[in-house]
C-alpha atoms as a PDB file:
ATOM      1  CA  UNK A   1     -55.164 175.790 225.985  1.00  0.00           C
ATOM      2  CA  UNK A   2     -53.206 178.411 224.869  1.00  0.00           C
ATOM      3  CA  UNK A   3     -53.339 179.893 221.603  1.00  0.00           C
ATOM      4  CA  UNK A   4     -51.300 181.054 219.786  1.00  0.00           C
ATOM      5  CA  UNK A   5     -50.780 184.108 216.853  1.00  0.00           C
ATOM      6  CA  UNK A   6     -47.677 183.752 215.673  1.00  0.00           C
ATOM      7  CA  UNK A   7     -47.657 182.197 212.118  1.00  0.00           C
ATOM      8  CA  UNK A   8     -44.568 179.470 211.686  1.00  0.00           C
ATOM      9  CA  UNK A   9     -42.442 179.495 209.144  1.00  0.00           C
ATOM     10  CA  UNK A  10     -41.800 177.830 206.322  1.00  0.00           C
ATOM     11  CA  UNK A  11     -39.314 174.758 206.304  1.00  0.00           C
ATOM     12  CA  UNK A  12     -37.096 175.682 203.296  1.00  0.00           C
ATOM     13  CA  UNK A  13     -35.327 172.001 202.611  1.00  0.00           C
ATOM     14  CA  UNK A  14     -32.083 171.479 201.437  1.00  0.00           C
ATOM     15  CA  UNK A  15     -32.810 168.709 198.931  1.00  0.00           C
ATOM     16  CA  UNK A  16     -35.429 170.591 197.472  1.00  0.00           C
ATOM     17  CA  UNK A  17     -33.153 173.227 196.413  1.00  0.00           C
ATOM     18  CA  UNK A  18     -30.687 170.995 195.349  1.00  0.00           C
ATOM     19  CA  UNK A  19     -33.498 169.560 193.318  1.00  0.00           C
ATOM     20  CA  UNK A  20     -34.418 172.535 191.984  1.00  0.00           C
ATOM     21  CA  UNK A  21     -31.035 173.746 191.137  1.00  0.00           C
ATOM     22  CA  UNK A  22     -30.544 171.137 189.149  1.00  0.00           C
ATOM     23  CA  UNK A  23     -33.747 171.676 187.271  1.00  0.00           C
ATOM     24  CA  UNK A  24     -32.678 175.511 186.543  1.00  0.00           C
ATOM     25  CA  UNK A  25     -29.545 174.701 185.452  1.00  0.00           C
ATOM     26  CA  UNK A  26     -30.801 171.974 182.861  1.00  0.00           C
ATOM     27  CA  UNK A  27     -32.211 174.822 181.181  1.00  0.00           C
ATOM     28  CA  UNK A  28     -30.284 175.805 178.149  1.00  0.00           C
ATOM     29  CA  UNK A  29     -30.847 179.635 178.003  1.00  0.00           C
ATOM     30  CA  UNK A  30     -28.820 181.296 175.359  1.00  0.00           C
ATOM     31  CA  UNK A  31     -28.608 185.182 174.429  1.00  0.00           C
ATOM     32  CA  UNK A  32     -29.740 186.918 171.610  1.00  0.00           C
ATOM     33  CA  UNK A  33     -33.317 185.628 169.240  1.00  0.00           C
ATOM     34  CA  UNK A  34     -33.171 181.830 169.147  1.00  0.00           C
ATOM     35  CA  UNK A  35     -36.225 180.288 168.351  1.00  0.00           C
ATOM     36  CA  UNK A  36     -34.840 176.879 168.597  1.00  0.00           C
ATOM     37  CA  UNK A  37     -37.297 174.574 170.842  1.00  0.00           C
ATOM     38  CA  UNK A  38     -36.557 174.648 174.168  1.00  0.00           C
ATOM     39  CA  UNK A  39     -35.153 170.013 173.830  1.00  0.00           C
ATOM     40  CA  UNK A  40     -32.826 171.107 171.407  1.00  0.00           C
ATOM     41  CA  UNK A  41     -31.165 173.847 172.654  1.00  0.00           C
ATOM     42  CA  UNK A  42     -29.072 172.086 174.804  1.00  0.00           C
ATOM     43  CA  UNK A  43     -28.167 170.031 172.037  1.00  0.00           C
ATOM     44  CA  UNK A  44     -27.736 172.863 169.930  1.00  0.00           C
ATOM     45  CA  UNK A  45     -25.324 174.767 172.130  1.00  0.00           C
ATOM     46  CA  UNK A  46     -22.911 171.661 172.554  1.00  0.00           C
ATOM     47  CA  UNK A  47     -22.279 170.848 169.415  1.00  0.00           C
ATOM     48  CA  UNK A  48     -21.676 174.694 168.392  1.00  0.00           C
ATOM     49  CA  UNK A  49     -19.334 174.976 171.061  1.00  0.00           C
ATOM     50  CA  UNK A  50     -18.095 171.194 170.088  1.00  0.00           C
ATOM     51  CA  UNK A  51     -16.870 173.027 167.064  1.00  0.00           C
ATOM     52  CA  UNK A  52     -15.640 176.059 168.162  1.00  0.00           C
ATOM     53  CA  UNK A  53     -13.158 174.378 170.787  1.00  0.00           C
ATOM     54  CA  UNK A  54     -12.216 172.403 167.432  1.00  0.00           C
ATOM     55  CA  UNK A  55     -11.877 175.660 165.845  1.00  0.00           C
ATOM     56  CA  UNK A  56      -9.883 176.997 168.365  1.00  0.00           C
ATOM     57  CA  UNK A  57      -8.331 174.363 171.188  1.00  0.00           C
ATOM     58  CA  UNK A  58      -6.206 177.429 172.858  1.00  0.00           C
ATOM     59  CA  UNK A  59      -9.952 179.287 174.843  1.00  0.00           C
ATOM     60  CA  UNK A  60     -10.782 176.945 177.357  1.00  0.00           C
ATOM     61  CA  UNK A  61     -13.771 178.509 177.980  1.00  0.00           C
ATOM     62  CA  UNK A  62     -15.787 179.688 174.898  1.00  0.00           C
ATOM     63  CA  UNK A  63     -19.655 180.909 175.301  1.00  0.00           C
ATOM     64  CA  UNK A  64     -22.446 181.641 173.715  1.00  0.00           C
ATOM     65  CA  UNK A  65     -22.030 185.214 173.241  1.00  0.00           C
ATOM     66  CA  UNK A  66     -25.604 185.938 170.864  1.00  0.00           C
ATOM     67  CA  UNK A  67     -27.765 184.139 168.177  1.00  0.00           C
ATOM     68  CA  UNK A  68     -29.991 185.582 165.804  1.00  0.00           C
ATOM     69  CA  UNK A  69     -33.468 184.524 163.638  1.00  0.00           C
ATOM     70  CA  UNK A  70     -31.797 184.472 159.515  1.00  0.00           C
ATOM     71  CA  UNK A  71     -35.139 182.480 158.046  1.00  0.00           C
ATOM     72  CA  UNK A  72     -37.900 181.003 159.006  1.00  0.00           C
ATOM     73  CA  UNK A  73     -40.239 178.095 157.357  1.00  0.00           C
ATOM     74  CA  UNK A  74     -43.505 178.813 155.648  1.00  0.00           C
ATOM     75  CA  UNK A  75     -45.325 177.535 159.130  1.00  0.00           C
ATOM     76  CA  UNK A  76     -43.301 179.993 161.208  1.00  0.00           C
ATOM     77  CA  UNK A  77     -40.576 178.021 162.566  1.00  0.00           C
ATOM     78  CA  UNK A  78     -37.197 178.442 163.068  1.00  0.00           C
ATOM     79  CA  UNK A  79     -35.145 177.160 159.805  1.00  0.00           C
ATOM     80  CA  UNK A  80     -31.981 179.010 160.046  1.00  0.00           C
ATOM     81  CA  UNK A  81     -30.372 180.813 162.671  1.00  0.00           C
ATOM     82  CA  UNK A  82     -26.724 182.407 163.716  1.00  0.00           C
ATOM     83  CA  UNK A  83     -24.542 181.468 166.844  1.00  0.00           C
ATOM     84  CA  UNK A  84     -21.940 183.651 167.777  1.00  0.00           C
ATOM     85  CA  UNK A  85     -19.052 182.425 170.062  1.00  0.00           C
ATOM     86  CA  UNK A  86     -17.027 184.406 172.272  1.00  0.00           C
ATOM     87  CA  UNK A  87     -13.861 182.166 172.082  1.00  0.00           C
ATOM     88  CA  UNK A  88     -11.540 183.852 174.441  1.00  0.00           C
ATOM     89  CA  UNK A  89     -11.988 187.671 172.963  1.00  0.00           C
ATOM     90  CA  UNK A  90     -12.171 186.305 169.482  1.00  0.00           C
ATOM     91  CA  UNK A  91     -15.836 185.556 168.065  1.00  0.00           C
ATOM     92  CA  UNK A  92     -16.993 183.216 165.191  1.00  0.00           C
ATOM     93  CA  UNK A  93     -20.287 182.545 163.530  1.00  0.00           C
ATOM     94  CA  UNK A  94     -22.146 179.326 163.394  1.00  0.00           C
ATOM     95  CA  UNK A  95     -25.039 178.863 161.092  1.00  0.00           C
ATOM     96  CA  UNK A  96     -27.051 176.503 162.442  1.00  0.00           C
ATOM     97  CA  UNK A  97     -30.488 174.964 160.028  1.00  0.00           C
ATOM     98  CA  UNK A  98     -32.945 173.085 160.778  1.00  0.00           C
ATOM     99  CA  UNK A  99     -35.063 171.135 159.250  1.00  0.00           C
ATOM    100  CA  UNK A 100     -38.803 171.030 158.499  1.00  0.00           C
ATOM    101  CA  UNK A 101     -41.553 168.970 159.232  1.00  0.00           C
ATOM    102  CA  UNK A 102     -39.135 166.008 161.353  1.00  0.00           C
ATOM    103  CA  UNK A 103     -40.157 164.545 164.221  1.00  0.00           C
ATOM    104  CA  UNK A 104     -37.117 164.086 165.369  1.00  0.00           C
ATOM    105  CA  UNK A 105     -34.930 166.982 163.597  1.00  0.00           C
ATOM    106  CA  UNK A 106     -31.280 166.612 162.809  1.00  0.00           C
ATOM    107  CA  UNK A 107     -30.393 169.876 163.311  1.00  0.00           C
ATOM    108  CA  UNK A 108     -27.035 171.160 161.397  1.00  0.00           C
ATOM    109  CA  UNK A 109     -24.255 173.543 162.827  1.00  0.00           C
ATOM    110  CA  UNK A 110     -21.255 174.687 160.607  1.00  0.00           C
ATOM    111  CA  UNK A 111     -19.059 177.558 160.695  1.00  0.00           C
ATOM    112  CA  UNK A 112     -19.697 180.563 158.677  1.00  0.00           C
END
């Protein structure tokens, strides 16, 4: 019987990596100090970018450049944030209002 001191290298499966990358790309990471719940960040980001696209249809690649908490509810949850969009070199501010005490919050987005 032959013994080997060789430690097998872990096998990396391409399918696993694709699933992992897909899961990570689903996270809505935005710059700044947003306190928006993780579950809402993607929706808020999409809504802000949609409004930015309507306001400046000539910019084909708007992006969230910054976020800033402006107000908190009494319980410490976010009430109002400013989201800044870079629209091909021009910055536009959007106010995002988060209602208090609702299970499925209806976020309001409007230009500042």
